[in-house]
Amino acid sequence: MPEKQARKSSVATGRGDDGTTGLLFGGERVFKDDPRPEAYGAIDEAVAALGVARAELGSKGQDGSLARTIDRLPELILRLQRELFVAGAELATAPEAIDRGTPGRTRVTAEMVEGLDALLAETEAAIELPREFVVPGETRLSAALELARTIVRRAERRAVAIRRAEPRPGDQVVPYLNRLADLLWIFARAAEQGESRAATPSRAEPGPPHGRHA
């Protein structure tokens, strides 16, 4: 009997087996460790980390433990995930094709940055800010937001490297990522306070000297 023919995957094309990948709007393929795939790859990681935060919020919503003070976070995080796809698309576009991008869909706009500024001001006004650096991990939700924040910072650094090599007036990707990282830090604090938890300070409280007993 003839052997059954292996089913082909609609996802795995095999074109990247040589270590290269394609950019948006065509053009030459680049290696996967090129600055652009490094940048939009970090964006992809940030979207996934935000997905963990959104899933945690979903669980809280189902069991009724989602605090009223953060009940908008699920929709806001989904909005940020979608906006990050826009930033990723712009970073995946070759320099010669940048003008083919669509504002708000494949190119970050000044309005998107302004939207983050508004959320920053609104959320910051509703919480108590820590007076020093904090250690992530007070709650699962805030930890997921902090993880996403650090990944966004990495994406920002990669985007800065690209823009230094290819200066382009009016670029909004770096400002957007900068504001987003700040916003996620604020969201993490709001998440902690929504669960009546205080952020853990980075410095331990001074204890009694060794060898001394109360």
N, C-alpha and C. Protein backbone atom coordinates (compact mmCIF):
# COMPACT_ATOMS: atom_id res chain seq x y z
N MET A 1 0.84 -1.19 0.00
CA MET A 1 0.00 0.00 0.00
C MET A 1 0.88 1.25 0.00
N PRO A 2 0.47 2.29 -0.74
CA PRO A 2 1.28 3.51 -0.76
C PRO A 2 1.26 4.19 0.59
N GLU A 3 2.41 4.76 0.95
CA GLU A 3 2.49 5.48 2.22
C GLU A 3 1.61 6.72 2.18
N LYS A 4 0.99 7.01 3.34
CA LYS A 4 0.14 8.20 3.43
C LYS A 4 1.00 9.45 3.31
N GLN A 5 0.60 10.38 2.46
CA GLN A 5 1.36 11.60 2.26
C GLN A 5 1.24 12.50 3.49
N ALA A 6 2.38 13.02 3.92
CA ALA A 6 2.40 13.89 5.10
C ALA A 6 1.61 15.16 4.82
N ARG A 7 0.80 15.58 5.79
CA ARG A 7 0.02 16.80 5.64
C ARG A 7 0.93 18.01 5.81
N LYS A 8 0.79 18.97 4.92
CA LYS A 8 1.61 20.17 4.98
C LYS A 8 0.97 21.20 5.90
N SER A 9 1.82 21.92 6.63
CA SER A 9 1.35 22.95 7.54
C SER A 9 1.09 24.24 6.77
N SER A 10 0.01 24.93 7.14
CA SER A 10 -0.27 26.23 6.52
C SER A 10 0.48 27.35 7.21
N VAL A 11 1.13 27.04 8.33
CA VAL A 11 1.88 28.05 9.10
C VAL A 11 3.37 27.96 8.81
N ALA A 12 3.91 26.75 8.88
CA ALA A 12 5.35 26.56 8.67
C ALA A 12 5.65 26.47 7.17
N THR A 13 6.29 27.50 6.64
CA THR A 13 6.62 27.51 5.21
C THR A 13 8.01 26.98 4.94
N GLY A 14 8.87 27.02 5.97
CA GLY A 14 10.24 26.57 5.79
C GLY A 14 11.15 27.63 5.20
N ARG A 15 10.58 28.77 4.81
CA ARG A 15 11.41 29.81 4.18
C ARG A 15 12.41 30.41 5.16
N GLY A 16 12.11 30.31 6.45
CA GLY A 16 13.01 30.88 7.44
C GLY A 16 14.05 29.91 7.95
N ASP A 17 14.11 28.73 7.35
CA ASP A 17 15.08 27.74 7.82
C ASP A 17 16.53 28.18 7.59
N ASP A 18 16.73 29.14 6.71
CA ASP A 18 18.09 29.63 6.46
C ASP A 18 18.45 30.78 7.39
N GLY A 19 17.54 31.09 8.35
CA GLY A 19 17.82 32.15 9.31
C GLY A 19 17.42 33.53 8.85
N THR A 20 16.63 33.60 7.76
CA THR A 20 16.19 34.90 7.27
C THR A 20 14.68 35.05 7.43
N THR A 21 14.21 36.28 7.32
CA THR A 21 12.78 36.55 7.40
C THR A 21 12.44 37.72 6.49
N GLY A 22 11.19 37.81 6.10
CA GLY A 22 10.76 38.90 5.23
C GLY A 22 10.25 40.09 6.02
N LEU A 23 10.34 41.27 5.43
CA LEU A 23 9.83 42.49 6.04
C LEU A 23 8.48 42.85 5.42
N LEU A 24 7.78 43.76 6.06
CA LEU A 24 6.49 44.20 5.57
C LEU A 24 6.68 44.94 4.25
N PHE A 25 5.72 44.81 3.34
CA PHE A 25 5.75 45.44 2.02
C PHE A 25 6.86 44.90 1.13
N GLY A 26 7.31 43.68 1.40
CA GLY A 26 8.29 43.06 0.52
C GLY A 26 9.70 43.57 0.73
N GLY A 27 10.48 43.56 -0.32
CA GLY A 27 11.88 43.95 -0.20
C GLY A 27 12.75 42.74 0.08
N GLU A 28 14.04 43.01 0.29
CA GLU A 28 14.97 41.92 0.53
C GLU A 28 14.73 41.29 1.90
N ARG A 29 14.95 39.98 1.97
CA ARG A 29 14.87 39.29 3.25
C ARG A 29 16.08 39.66 4.09
N VAL A 30 15.89 39.65 5.42
CA VAL A 30 16.98 39.99 6.33
C VAL A 30 17.17 38.83 7.31
N PHE A 31 18.34 38.80 7.94
CA PHE A 31 18.57 37.76 8.94
C PHE A 31 17.73 38.04 10.18
N LYS A 32 17.36 36.98 10.88
CA LYS A 32 16.46 37.11 12.01
C LYS A 32 17.07 37.83 13.20
N ASP A 33 18.41 37.97 13.20
CA ASP A 33 19.02 38.76 14.26
C ASP A 33 19.36 40.17 13.80
N ASP A 34 18.79 40.57 12.66
CA ASP A 34 18.91 41.95 12.19
C ASP A 34 18.20 42.86 13.20
N PRO A 35 18.60 44.13 13.30
CA PRO A 35 17.96 45.04 14.27
C PRO A 35 16.44 45.12 14.15
N ARG A 36 15.90 45.01 12.93
CA ARG A 36 14.44 45.12 12.80
C ARG A 36 13.71 43.92 13.39
N PRO A 37 14.06 42.68 13.02
CA PRO A 37 13.41 41.55 13.69
C PRO A 37 13.65 41.54 15.20
N GLU A 38 14.81 42.01 15.64
CA GLU A 38 15.05 42.10 17.08
C GLU A 38 14.06 43.05 17.73
N ALA A 39 13.78 44.17 17.05
CA ALA A 39 12.88 45.18 17.61
C ALA A 39 11.43 44.69 17.60
N TYR A 40 10.94 44.24 16.43
CA TYR A 40 9.53 43.83 16.42
C TYR A 40 9.34 42.49 17.11
N GLY A 41 10.42 41.72 17.29
CA GLY A 41 10.32 40.50 18.10
C GLY A 41 10.09 40.84 19.56
N ALA A 42 10.75 41.89 20.04
CA ALA A 42 10.52 42.34 21.42
C ALA A 42 9.10 42.86 21.58
N ILE A 43 8.60 43.51 20.54
CA ILE A 43 7.20 43.96 20.56
C ILE A 43 6.27 42.76 20.72
N ASP A 44 6.54 41.70 19.98
CA ASP A 44 5.73 40.48 20.03
C ASP A 44 5.74 39.90 21.45
N GLU A 45 6.91 39.91 22.08
CA GLU A 45 7.03 39.41 23.45
C GLU A 45 6.18 40.26 24.40
N ALA A 46 6.21 41.58 24.21
CA ALA A 46 5.44 42.47 25.07
C ALA A 46 3.95 42.20 24.93
N VAL A 47 3.51 41.97 23.70
CA VAL A 47 2.09 41.65 23.48
C VAL A 47 1.71 40.38 24.23
N ALA A 48 2.59 39.38 24.20
CA ALA A 48 2.31 38.12 24.89
C ALA A 48 2.28 38.31 26.40
N ALA A 49 3.22 39.10 26.93
CA ALA A 49 3.25 39.35 28.37
C ALA A 49 1.99 40.09 28.81
N LEU A 50 1.54 41.03 28.00
CA LEU A 50 0.28 41.71 28.31
C LEU A 50 -0.90 40.74 28.25
N GLY A 51 -0.78 39.72 27.41
CA GLY A 51 -1.81 38.70 27.36
C GLY A 51 -1.92 37.94 28.67
N VAL A 52 -0.79 37.72 29.33
CA VAL A 52 -0.81 37.07 30.64
C VAL A 52 -1.56 37.95 31.64
N ALA A 53 -1.27 39.25 31.59
CA ALA A 53 -1.97 40.18 32.49
C ALA A 53 -3.47 40.20 32.21
N ARG A 54 -3.84 40.20 30.94
CA ARG A 54 -5.26 40.24 30.58
C ARG A 54 -5.96 38.94 30.98
N ALA A 55 -5.26 37.82 30.87
CA ALA A 55 -5.84 36.55 31.29
C ALA A 55 -6.08 36.54 32.80
N GLU A 56 -5.15 37.10 33.54
CA GLU A 56 -5.31 37.18 34.99
C GLU A 56 -6.51 38.06 35.34
N LEU A 57 -6.67 39.15 34.62
CA LEU A 57 -7.83 40.01 34.83
C LEU A 57 -9.13 39.27 34.49
N GLY A 58 -9.08 38.46 33.44
CA GLY A 58 -10.25 37.68 33.06
C GLY A 58 -10.66 36.71 34.15
N SER A 59 -9.67 36.08 34.77
CA SER A 59 -9.96 35.14 35.87
C SER A 59 -10.60 35.87 37.04
N LYS A 60 -10.08 37.06 37.32
CA LYS A 60 -10.65 37.84 38.41
C LYS A 60 -12.09 38.27 38.10
N GLY A 61 -12.31 38.61 36.84
CA GLY A 61 -13.66 38.99 36.46
C GLY A 61 -14.64 37.84 36.60
N GLN A 62 -14.19 36.63 36.29
CA GLN A 62 -15.07 35.46 36.37
C GLN A 62 -15.40 35.08 37.81
N ASP A 63 -14.41 35.21 38.71
CA ASP A 63 -14.68 34.81 40.10
C ASP A 63 -15.16 35.98 40.96
N GLY A 64 -15.33 37.16 40.33
CA GLY A 64 -15.88 38.30 41.06
C GLY A 64 -14.91 39.04 41.93
N SER A 65 -13.59 38.79 41.74
CA SER A 65 -12.60 39.45 42.60
C SER A 65 -11.93 40.65 41.93
N LEU A 66 -12.42 41.04 40.75
CA LEU A 66 -11.83 42.18 40.06
C LEU A 66 -12.30 43.47 40.73
N ALA A 67 -11.34 44.22 41.25
CA ALA A 67 -11.66 45.45 41.97
C ALA A 67 -12.25 46.49 41.03
N ARG A 68 -13.19 47.26 41.54
CA ARG A 68 -13.84 48.28 40.73
C ARG A 68 -12.84 49.31 40.23
N THR A 69 -11.80 49.57 41.01
CA THR A 69 -10.82 50.60 40.63
C THR A 69 -10.00 50.21 39.41
N ILE A 70 -9.97 48.93 39.06
CA ILE A 70 -9.19 48.50 37.89
C ILE A 70 -10.06 47.75 36.89
N ASP A 71 -11.38 47.95 36.95
CA ASP A 71 -12.25 47.17 36.06
C ASP A 71 -12.14 47.58 34.60
N ARG A 72 -11.45 48.70 34.31
CA ARG A 72 -11.22 49.09 32.91
C ARG A 72 -9.93 48.50 32.34
N LEU A 73 -9.12 47.92 33.20
CA LEU A 73 -7.83 47.41 32.74
C LEU A 73 -7.94 46.38 31.61
N PRO A 74 -8.87 45.44 31.65
CA PRO A 74 -8.94 44.47 30.55
C PRO A 74 -9.08 45.13 29.18
N GLU A 75 -10.00 46.09 29.04
CA GLU A 75 -10.18 46.73 27.74
C GLU A 75 -8.99 47.62 27.39
N LEU A 76 -8.38 48.24 28.39
CA LEU A 76 -7.23 49.10 28.12
C LEU A 76 -6.03 48.28 27.67
N ILE A 77 -5.82 47.13 28.31
CA ILE A 77 -4.69 46.28 27.92
C ILE A 77 -4.90 45.73 26.51
N LEU A 78 -6.11 45.34 26.19
CA LEU A 78 -6.39 44.87 24.82
C LEU A 78 -6.10 45.99 23.83
N ARG A 79 -6.49 47.19 24.15
CA ARG A 79 -6.19 48.33 23.28
C ARG A 79 -4.69 48.49 23.08
N LEU A 80 -3.91 48.35 24.17
CA LEU A 80 -2.46 48.48 24.07
C LEU A 80 -1.85 47.36 23.25
N GLN A 81 -2.37 46.15 23.41
CA GLN A 81 -1.87 45.03 22.60
C GLN A 81 -2.07 45.32 21.11
N ARG A 82 -3.24 45.83 20.77
CA ARG A 82 -3.51 46.13 19.36
C ARG A 82 -2.62 47.27 18.86
N GLU A 83 -2.39 48.26 19.70
CA GLU A 83 -1.52 49.36 19.29
C GLU A 83 -0.09 48.89 19.11
N LEU A 84 0.34 47.92 19.92
CA LEU A 84 1.69 47.39 19.76
C LEU A 84 1.85 46.68 18.42
N PHE A 85 0.78 46.11 17.89
CA PHE A 85 0.86 45.52 16.55
C PHE A 85 1.18 46.61 15.52
N VAL A 86 0.66 47.80 15.75
CA VAL A 86 0.95 48.92 14.84
C VAL A 86 2.44 49.26 14.93
N ALA A 87 2.96 49.36 16.15
CA ALA A 87 4.38 49.66 16.33
C ALA A 87 5.25 48.56 15.71
N GLY A 88 4.85 47.31 15.91
CA GLY A 88 5.60 46.21 15.32
C GLY A 88 5.61 46.26 13.81
N ALA A 89 4.46 46.62 13.22
CA ALA A 89 4.39 46.71 11.77
C ALA A 89 5.33 47.80 11.24
N GLU A 90 5.38 48.94 11.93
CA GLU A 90 6.28 50.00 11.47
C GLU A 90 7.74 49.57 11.58
N LEU A 91 8.08 48.89 12.67
CA LEU A 91 9.45 48.43 12.83
C LEU A 91 9.80 47.32 11.85
N ALA A 92 8.78 46.64 11.32
CA ALA A 92 9.01 45.57 10.34
C ALA A 92 9.02 46.08 8.91
N THR A 93 8.93 47.39 8.75
CA THR A 93 8.90 47.98 7.41
C THR A 93 10.28 48.45 7.01
N ALA A 94 10.70 48.09 5.81
CA ALA A 94 11.99 48.53 5.30
C ALA A 94 11.99 50.05 5.13
N PRO A 95 13.12 50.71 5.32
CA PRO A 95 13.19 52.17 5.23
C PRO A 95 12.62 52.72 3.93
N GLU A 96 12.90 52.04 2.82
CA GLU A 96 12.45 52.55 1.53
C GLU A 96 10.95 52.41 1.33
N ALA A 97 10.29 51.63 2.21
CA ALA A 97 8.84 51.42 2.06
C ALA A 97 8.04 52.10 3.15
N ILE A 98 8.69 52.91 3.99
CA ILE A 98 8.02 53.47 5.15
C ILE A 98 6.83 54.33 4.77
N ASP A 99 6.89 55.01 3.63
CA ASP A 99 5.78 55.88 3.22
C ASP A 99 4.56 55.09 2.74
N ARG A 100 4.71 53.78 2.61
CA ARG A 100 3.57 52.96 2.21
C ARG A 100 2.70 52.57 3.41
N GLY A 101 3.18 52.90 4.61
CA GLY A 101 2.44 52.56 5.81
C GLY A 101 1.20 53.43 5.99
N THR A 102 0.22 52.90 6.71
CA THR A 102 -1.03 53.61 6.99
C THR A 102 -1.03 54.09 8.43
N PRO A 103 -1.16 55.39 8.67
CA PRO A 103 -1.18 55.90 10.05
C PRO A 103 -2.25 55.22 10.88
N GLY A 104 -1.85 54.77 12.06
CA GLY A 104 -2.78 54.11 12.96
C GLY A 104 -2.96 52.64 12.70
N ARG A 105 -2.45 52.15 11.58
CA ARG A 105 -2.56 50.72 11.26
C ARG A 105 -1.19 50.07 11.11
N THR A 106 -0.31 50.71 10.38
CA THR A 106 1.05 50.20 10.24
C THR A 106 2.08 51.27 10.55
N ARG A 107 1.62 52.43 11.02
CA ARG A 107 2.53 53.49 11.45
C ARG A 107 1.97 54.14 12.71
N VAL A 108 2.84 54.34 13.69
CA VAL A 108 2.44 54.96 14.95
C VAL A 108 2.23 56.46 14.73
N THR A 109 1.17 56.99 15.33
CA THR A 109 0.83 58.40 15.14
C THR A 109 1.04 59.19 16.43
N ALA A 110 1.10 60.51 16.28
CA ALA A 110 1.21 61.39 17.44
C ALA A 110 -0.02 61.26 18.32
N GLU A 111 -1.18 61.00 17.71
CA GLU A 111 -2.41 60.83 18.47
C GLU A 111 -2.34 59.61 19.39
N MET A 112 -1.65 58.56 18.94
CA MET A 112 -1.48 57.38 19.78
C MET A 112 -0.64 57.71 21.01
N VAL A 113 0.39 58.52 20.81
CA VAL A 113 1.24 58.94 21.94
C VAL A 113 0.43 59.80 22.89
N GLU A 114 -0.35 60.71 22.35
CA GLU A 114 -1.19 61.57 23.18
C GLU A 114 -2.21 60.75 23.98
N GLY A 115 -2.70 59.69 23.39
CA GLY A 115 -3.63 58.82 24.10
C GLY A 115 -2.99 58.19 25.32
N LEU A 116 -1.71 57.81 25.21
CA LEU A 116 -1.01 57.26 26.37
C LEU A 116 -0.79 58.33 27.43
N ASP A 117 -0.48 59.54 26.99
CA ASP A 117 -0.30 60.64 27.94
C ASP A 117 -1.57 60.85 28.77
N ALA A 118 -2.72 60.77 28.10
CA ALA A 118 -3.99 60.96 28.80
C ALA A 118 -4.23 59.84 29.82
N LEU A 119 -3.93 58.60 29.43
CA LEU A 119 -4.10 57.48 30.36
C LEU A 119 -3.13 57.60 31.53
N LEU A 120 -1.92 58.05 31.26
CA LEU A 120 -0.94 58.24 32.34
C LEU A 120 -1.46 59.23 33.37
N ALA A 121 -1.92 60.38 32.90
CA ALA A 121 -2.40 61.41 33.81
C ALA A 121 -3.61 60.93 34.60
N GLU A 122 -4.53 60.25 33.91
CA GLU A 122 -5.75 59.78 34.55
C GLU A 122 -5.46 58.74 35.63
N THR A 123 -4.61 57.76 35.30
CA THR A 123 -4.33 56.67 36.24
C THR A 123 -3.48 57.14 37.39
N GLU A 124 -2.49 57.98 37.10
CA GLU A 124 -1.61 58.47 38.15
C GLU A 124 -2.38 59.28 39.19
N ALA A 125 -3.39 60.00 38.75
CA ALA A 125 -4.18 60.82 39.68
C ALA A 125 -5.03 59.97 40.61
N ALA A 126 -5.25 58.71 40.24
CA ALA A 126 -6.15 57.85 41.02
C ALA A 126 -5.41 56.92 41.98
N ILE A 127 -4.07 56.97 41.99
CA ILE A 127 -3.32 56.05 42.86
C ILE A 127 -2.33 56.83 43.72
N GLU A 128 -1.75 56.12 44.67
CA GLU A 128 -0.68 56.69 45.50
C GLU A 128 0.65 56.18 44.96
N LEU A 129 1.52 57.09 44.58
CA LEU A 129 2.79 56.69 43.99
C LEU A 129 3.80 56.31 45.06
N PRO A 130 4.57 55.24 44.85
CA PRO A 130 5.63 54.88 45.79
C PRO A 130 6.68 55.99 45.85
N ARG A 131 7.39 56.05 46.96
CA ARG A 131 8.40 57.08 47.15
C ARG A 131 9.80 56.61 46.77
N GLU A 132 9.93 55.33 46.36
CA GLU A 132 11.23 54.80 45.95
C GLU A 132 11.02 53.67 44.95
N PHE A 133 12.11 53.11 44.45
CA PHE A 133 12.02 51.98 43.53
C PHE A 133 11.33 50.81 44.22
N VAL A 134 10.63 50.00 43.42
CA VAL A 134 9.90 48.87 43.99
C VAL A 134 10.36 47.57 43.36
N VAL A 135 10.12 46.48 44.09
CA VAL A 135 10.45 45.14 43.62
C VAL A 135 9.18 44.48 43.07
N PRO A 136 9.15 44.08 41.80
CA PRO A 136 7.95 43.45 41.25
C PRO A 136 7.64 42.12 41.94
N GLY A 137 6.36 41.76 41.95
CA GLY A 137 5.96 40.46 42.45
C GLY A 137 4.98 40.49 43.59
N GLU A 138 4.43 41.66 43.89
CA GLU A 138 3.46 41.73 44.98
C GLU A 138 2.18 40.98 44.65
N THR A 139 1.75 41.04 43.39
CA THR A 139 0.60 40.26 42.92
C THR A 139 0.95 39.68 41.55
N ARG A 140 0.22 38.66 41.14
CA ARG A 140 0.48 38.06 39.82
C ARG A 140 0.18 39.05 38.70
N LEU A 141 -0.88 39.85 38.87
CA LEU A 141 -1.24 40.81 37.85
C LEU A 141 -0.18 41.89 37.71
N SER A 142 0.24 42.46 38.83
CA SER A 142 1.25 43.52 38.75
C SER A 142 2.58 42.98 38.23
N ALA A 143 2.91 41.73 38.57
CA ALA A 143 4.15 41.13 38.07
C ALA A 143 4.11 40.97 36.56
N ALA A 144 2.95 40.55 36.02
CA ALA A 144 2.82 40.40 34.56
C ALA A 144 2.95 41.76 33.88
N LEU A 145 2.38 42.79 34.48
CA LEU A 145 2.50 44.14 33.90
C LEU A 145 3.94 44.63 33.95
N GLU A 146 4.64 44.33 35.03
CA GLU A 146 6.04 44.73 35.13
C GLU A 146 6.90 43.99 34.10
N LEU A 147 6.61 42.71 33.89
CA LEU A 147 7.34 41.96 32.87
C LEU A 147 7.12 42.59 31.50
N ALA A 148 5.88 42.92 31.20
CA ALA A 148 5.58 43.57 29.92
C ALA A 148 6.33 44.90 29.82
N ARG A 149 6.40 45.64 30.93
CA ARG A 149 7.10 46.93 30.92
C ARG A 149 8.57 46.76 30.55
N THR A 150 9.24 45.78 31.15
CA THR A 150 10.67 45.61 30.86
C THR A 150 10.89 45.18 29.42
N ILE A 151 9.97 44.40 28.87
CA ILE A 151 10.10 43.99 27.47
C ILE A 151 9.89 45.18 26.55
N VAL A 152 8.93 46.05 26.90
CA VAL A 152 8.72 47.27 26.11
C VAL A 152 9.97 48.13 26.13
N ARG A 153 10.64 48.20 27.28
CA ARG A 153 11.89 48.97 27.35
C ARG A 153 12.95 48.39 26.41
N ARG A 154 12.99 47.06 26.32
CA ARG A 154 13.95 46.45 25.39
C ARG A 154 13.58 46.79 23.95
N ALA A 155 12.29 46.73 23.64
CA ALA A 155 11.85 47.11 22.29
C ALA A 155 12.21 48.56 22.01
N GLU A 156 12.08 49.41 23.02
CA GLU A 156 12.43 50.82 22.85
C GLU A 156 13.92 50.97 22.54
N ARG A 157 14.76 50.24 23.25
CA ARG A 157 16.20 50.33 22.99
C ARG A 157 16.53 49.87 21.57
N ARG A 158 15.88 48.81 21.14
CA ARG A 158 16.12 48.32 19.77
C ARG A 158 15.63 49.35 18.75
N ALA A 159 14.51 49.99 19.03
CA ALA A 159 13.97 51.00 18.12
C ALA A 159 14.89 52.21 18.06
N VAL A 160 15.47 52.58 19.18
CA VAL A 160 16.41 53.70 19.21
C VAL A 160 17.61 53.40 18.32
N ALA A 161 18.11 52.18 18.38
CA ALA A 161 19.26 51.80 17.55
C ALA A 161 18.92 51.93 16.07
N ILE A 162 17.70 51.53 15.69
CA ILE A 162 17.28 51.63 14.30
C ILE A 162 17.19 53.09 13.89
N ARG A 163 16.59 53.91 14.72
CA ARG A 163 16.41 55.32 14.37
C ARG A 163 17.73 56.08 14.34
N ARG A 164 18.69 55.67 15.14
CA ARG A 164 20.01 56.32 15.07
C ARG A 164 20.68 56.03 13.74
N ALA A 165 20.44 54.83 13.22
CA ALA A 165 21.03 54.46 11.93
C ALA A 165 20.24 55.05 10.77
N GLU A 166 18.93 55.27 11.00
CA GLU A 166 18.05 55.77 9.93
C GLU A 166 17.19 56.92 10.46
N PRO A 167 17.77 58.08 10.73
CA PRO A 167 16.98 59.20 11.28
C PRO A 167 15.82 59.54 10.35
N ARG A 168 14.64 59.72 10.97
CA ARG A 168 13.46 60.07 10.18
C ARG A 168 12.62 61.06 10.95
N PRO A 169 12.48 62.29 10.44
CA PRO A 169 11.68 63.30 11.15
C PRO A 169 10.24 62.83 11.37
N GLY A 170 9.71 63.15 12.53
CA GLY A 170 8.32 62.81 12.81
C GLY A 170 8.08 61.40 13.31
N ASP A 171 9.15 60.64 13.51
CA ASP A 171 8.99 59.26 13.99
C ASP A 171 8.34 59.25 15.37
N GLN A 172 7.34 58.40 15.56
CA GLN A 172 6.61 58.33 16.83
C GLN A 172 6.77 57.00 17.55
N VAL A 173 7.52 56.07 16.97
CA VAL A 173 7.65 54.75 17.59
C VAL A 173 8.35 54.84 18.94
N VAL A 174 9.49 55.53 18.98
CA VAL A 174 10.25 55.61 20.23
C VAL A 174 9.46 56.37 21.31
N PRO A 175 8.89 57.55 21.01
CA PRO A 175 8.06 58.21 22.03
C PRO A 175 6.92 57.32 22.52
N TYR A 176 6.30 56.58 21.60
CA TYR A 176 5.19 55.71 22.00
C TYR A 176 5.67 54.65 22.99
N LEU A 177 6.77 53.97 22.67
CA LEU A 177 7.26 52.91 23.54
C LEU A 177 7.72 53.47 24.88
N ASN A 178 8.31 54.64 24.87
CA ASN A 178 8.74 55.29 26.10
C ASN A 178 7.55 55.56 27.02
N ARG A 179 6.49 56.14 26.46
CA ARG A 179 5.29 56.43 27.25
C ARG A 179 4.62 55.14 27.73
N LEU A 180 4.60 54.13 26.86
CA LEU A 180 3.93 52.89 27.20
C LEU A 180 4.60 52.21 28.40
N ALA A 181 5.92 52.20 28.42
CA ALA A 181 6.62 51.60 29.55
C ALA A 181 6.26 52.32 30.85
N ASP A 182 6.20 53.65 30.80
CA ASP A 182 5.79 54.41 31.98
C ASP A 182 4.37 54.04 32.40
N LEU A 183 3.47 53.93 31.42
CA LEU A 183 2.08 53.62 31.71
C LEU A 183 1.95 52.24 32.36
N LEU A 184 2.71 51.26 31.88
CA LEU A 184 2.61 49.92 32.44
C LEU A 184 3.10 49.89 33.89
N TRP A 185 4.08 50.72 34.20
CA TRP A 185 4.53 50.82 35.59
C TRP A 185 3.40 51.38 36.46
N ILE A 186 2.72 52.40 35.96
CA ILE A 186 1.60 52.97 36.68
C ILE A 186 0.46 51.95 36.81
N PHE A 187 0.18 51.22 35.74
CA PHE A 187 -0.85 50.18 35.79
C PHE A 187 -0.52 49.13 36.85
N ALA A 188 0.76 48.76 36.97
CA ALA A 188 1.17 47.77 37.96
C ALA A 188 0.88 48.26 39.37
N ARG A 189 1.13 49.54 39.61
CA ARG A 189 0.84 50.10 40.94
C ARG A 189 -0.67 50.14 41.18
N ALA A 190 -1.43 50.49 40.15
CA ALA A 190 -2.89 50.49 40.27
C ALA A 190 -3.41 49.08 40.56
N ALA A 191 -2.80 48.09 39.91
CA ALA A 191 -3.21 46.70 40.13
C ALA A 191 -2.96 46.28 41.57
N GLU A 192 -1.79 46.63 42.10
CA GLU A 192 -1.48 46.29 43.50
C GLU A 192 -2.48 46.95 44.45
N GLN A 193 -2.70 48.24 44.24
CA GLN A 193 -3.59 48.96 45.14
C GLN A 193 -5.04 48.52 44.97
N GLY A 194 -5.39 48.02 43.79
CA GLY A 194 -6.73 47.48 43.60
C GLY A 194 -6.97 46.22 44.41
N GLU A 195 -5.87 45.53 44.77
CA GLU A 195 -5.97 44.34 45.61
C GLU A 195 -5.55 44.65 47.04
N SER A 196 -5.52 45.95 47.37
CA SER A 196 -5.14 46.41 48.72
C SER A 196 -3.77 45.92 49.12
N ARG A 197 -2.86 45.95 48.16
CA ARG A 197 -1.47 45.55 48.44
C ARG A 197 -0.57 46.75 48.17
N ALA A 198 0.48 46.86 48.93
CA ALA A 198 1.44 47.95 48.75
C ALA A 198 2.66 47.41 48.02
N ALA A 199 3.23 48.23 47.14
CA ALA A 199 4.43 47.81 46.42
C ALA A 199 5.58 47.55 47.40
N THR A 200 6.37 46.52 47.11
CA THR A 200 7.50 46.18 47.96
C THR A 200 8.67 47.09 47.64
N PRO A 201 9.20 47.86 48.62
CA PRO A 201 10.32 48.76 48.33
C PRO A 201 11.58 47.99 47.99
N SER A 202 12.44 48.61 47.19
CA SER A 202 13.66 47.93 46.75
C SER A 202 14.69 47.80 47.87
N ARG A 203 14.57 48.62 48.90
CA ARG A 203 15.50 48.53 50.02
C ARG A 203 14.80 47.90 51.22
N ALA A 204 15.47 46.92 51.83
CA ALA A 204 14.90 46.26 53.00
C ALA A 204 14.91 47.20 54.19
N GLU A 205 13.90 47.03 55.03
CA GLU A 205 13.87 47.82 56.26
C GLU A 205 15.05 47.42 57.14
N PRO A 206 15.72 48.41 57.75
CA PRO A 206 16.87 48.06 58.62
C PRO A 206 16.41 47.22 59.80
N GLY A 207 17.11 46.14 60.06
CA GLY A 207 16.77 45.26 61.18
C GLY A 207 17.75 45.43 62.32
N PRO A 208 17.56 44.67 63.40
CA PRO A 208 18.50 44.77 64.53
C PRO A 208 19.86 44.21 64.16
N PRO A 209 20.93 44.74 64.74
CA PRO A 209 22.28 44.21 64.44
C PRO A 209 22.36 42.73 64.77
N HIS A 210 23.21 42.03 64.02
CA HIS A 210 23.39 40.59 64.28
C HIS A 210 23.88 40.36 65.69
N GLY A 211 23.32 39.35 66.34
CA GLY A 211 23.79 38.99 67.68
C GLY A 211 23.04 39.69 68.77
N ARG A 212 22.21 40.68 68.44
CA ARG A 212 21.45 41.38 69.46
C ARG A 212 20.05 40.82 69.51
N HIS A 213 19.56 40.55 70.69
CA HIS A 213 18.23 39.98 70.86
C HIS A 213 17.33 40.98 71.57
N ALA A 214 16.06 40.91 71.26
CA ALA A 214 15.11 41.83 71.88
C ALA A 214 14.91 41.45 73.34
